[in-house]
Amino acid sequence: MSIEVPLAELPATVERYGFAYVITVSDSGRPHLVAVRPVVSGDELWVSVGRTSLANAAARPEITLVFPPVDDGGFSLVVDATASAGDGSGDLRLAVTWAVLHRPAP
């Protein structure tokens, strides 16, 4: 079972989860994962990443964040977003397009 998260509720939901994995895609199509602590700013999320994630997001800006469950048997939070470079310091600005609480692992 999955439960859509209205974008208006996303800031409070992100606060409960803490950290996430940012998933970008390389030129060869391989996924690249980095653990981050997203910061909510208005209706956007900001994350600090390294050179590889920045380059991947510049070439393919559709990214996904996966927040692992807070509790054993809890839901994961999956967020799709469009990334753009921040101020050049390794930050990505994420315009969220969709969010869902994904069913717990069996």
Protein backbone atom coordinates (compact mmCIF):
# COMPACT_ATOMS: atom_id res chain seq x y z
CA MET A 1 0.00 0.00 0.00
CA SER A 2 1.22 3.50 -0.83
CA ILE A 3 -0.14 6.81 0.44
CA GLU A 4 0.34 9.99 -1.59
CA VAL A 5 1.73 12.90 0.44
CA PRO A 6 0.17 16.24 -0.49
CA LEU A 7 2.94 18.74 -1.23
CA ALA A 8 1.55 21.07 1.45
CA GLU A 9 2.26 18.33 4.03
CA LEU A 10 5.76 17.54 2.75
CA PRO A 11 7.74 19.90 5.06
CA ALA A 12 6.32 18.30 8.22
CA THR A 13 6.79 14.83 6.77
CA VAL A 14 10.43 15.48 5.83
CA GLU A 15 11.10 16.80 9.35
CA ARG A 16 10.00 13.44 10.82
CA TYR A 17 12.36 11.46 8.61
CA GLY A 18 15.64 13.34 8.95
CA PHE A 19 17.97 11.95 6.30
CA ALA A 20 17.48 10.62 2.79
CA TYR A 21 19.37 9.12 -0.11
CA VAL A 22 19.52 11.28 -3.23
CA ILE A 23 19.49 9.13 -6.36
CA THR A 24 20.89 10.57 -9.57
CA VAL A 25 21.78 8.76 -12.81
CA SER A 26 25.20 8.74 -14.50
CA ASP A 27 25.94 9.04 -18.22
CA SER A 28 26.08 5.24 -18.40
CA GLY A 29 22.68 4.89 -16.71
CA ARG A 30 24.03 3.70 -13.36
CA PRO A 31 22.32 5.03 -10.23
CA HIS A 32 24.41 7.13 -7.85
CA LEU A 33 23.28 7.38 -4.21
CA VAL A 34 24.36 9.90 -1.59
CA ALA A 35 23.05 10.29 1.96
CA VAL A 36 21.85 13.86 2.68
CA ARG A 37 19.86 15.88 5.21
CA PRO A 38 17.39 17.89 3.12
CA VAL A 39 16.50 21.39 4.24
CA VAL A 40 12.96 22.60 3.60
CA SER A 41 12.75 26.13 2.19
CA GLY A 42 9.23 27.16 1.24
CA ASP A 43 7.98 24.62 -1.26
CA GLU A 44 11.49 23.43 -2.19
CA LEU A 45 14.09 21.14 -0.69
CA TRP A 46 17.81 21.91 -0.65
CA VAL A 47 20.54 19.28 -0.38
CA SER A 48 24.34 19.44 -0.30
CA VAL A 49 26.00 16.91 -2.61
CA GLY A 50 29.35 16.21 -4.22
CA ARG A 51 30.70 16.69 -7.74
CA THR A 52 29.30 13.45 -9.16
CA SER A 53 25.75 14.14 -7.99
CA LEU A 54 25.98 17.73 -9.22
CA ALA A 55 27.16 16.62 -12.67
CA ASN A 56 24.51 13.89 -12.89
CA ALA A 57 21.73 16.30 -11.88
CA ALA A 58 22.93 18.93 -14.36
CA ALA A 59 22.69 16.40 -17.20
CA ARG A 60 19.55 14.60 -15.96
CA PRO A 61 17.69 16.83 -13.48
CA GLU A 62 14.91 14.38 -12.60
CA ILE A 63 16.04 12.89 -9.29
CA THR A 64 14.55 10.83 -6.47
CA LEU A 65 15.03 10.99 -2.73
CA VAL A 66 14.35 7.94 -0.59
CA PHE A 67 13.88 8.44 3.14
CA PRO A 68 14.19 5.09 4.96
CA PRO A 69 11.54 4.17 7.53
CA VAL A 70 11.96 5.81 10.92
CA ASP A 71 10.67 2.72 12.73
CA ASP A 72 10.96 -0.98 11.99
CA GLY A 73 8.03 -1.84 9.72
CA GLY A 74 7.35 1.83 8.95
CA PHE A 75 6.81 3.49 5.61
CA SER A 76 9.59 4.86 3.40
CA LEU A 77 9.10 8.35 2.00
CA VAL A 78 9.82 8.59 -1.73
CA VAL A 79 10.09 12.05 -3.29
CA ASP A 80 10.52 12.85 -6.98
CA ALA A 81 11.91 16.26 -7.86
CA THR A 82 13.54 18.35 -10.54
CA ALA A 83 17.00 19.52 -9.50
CA SER A 84 18.81 22.70 -10.37
CA ALA A 85 22.17 23.99 -9.19
CA GLY A 86 22.12 26.21 -6.13
CA ASP A 87 24.74 28.89 -5.58
CA GLY A 88 27.70 26.85 -6.82
CA SER A 89 28.64 25.53 -3.38
CA GLY A 90 27.53 21.95 -3.97
CA ASP A 91 23.87 22.60 -3.24
CA LEU A 92 20.94 21.39 -5.31
CA ARG A 93 17.57 23.09 -5.25
CA LEU A 94 14.82 20.50 -5.60
CA ALA A 95 11.39 21.39 -6.95
CA VAL A 96 9.26 18.52 -5.68
CA THR A 97 6.90 16.98 -8.22
CA TRP A 98 5.49 14.03 -6.25
CA ALA A 99 5.80 12.35 -2.86
CA VAL A 100 4.49 9.08 -1.48
CA LEU A 101 4.73 6.99 1.67
CA HIS A 102 5.69 3.57 0.32
CA ARG A 103 4.56 0.37 1.93
CA PRO A 104 6.72 -1.29 4.58
CA ALA A 105 8.97 -4.15 3.68
CA PRO A 106 7.40 -7.57 4.37
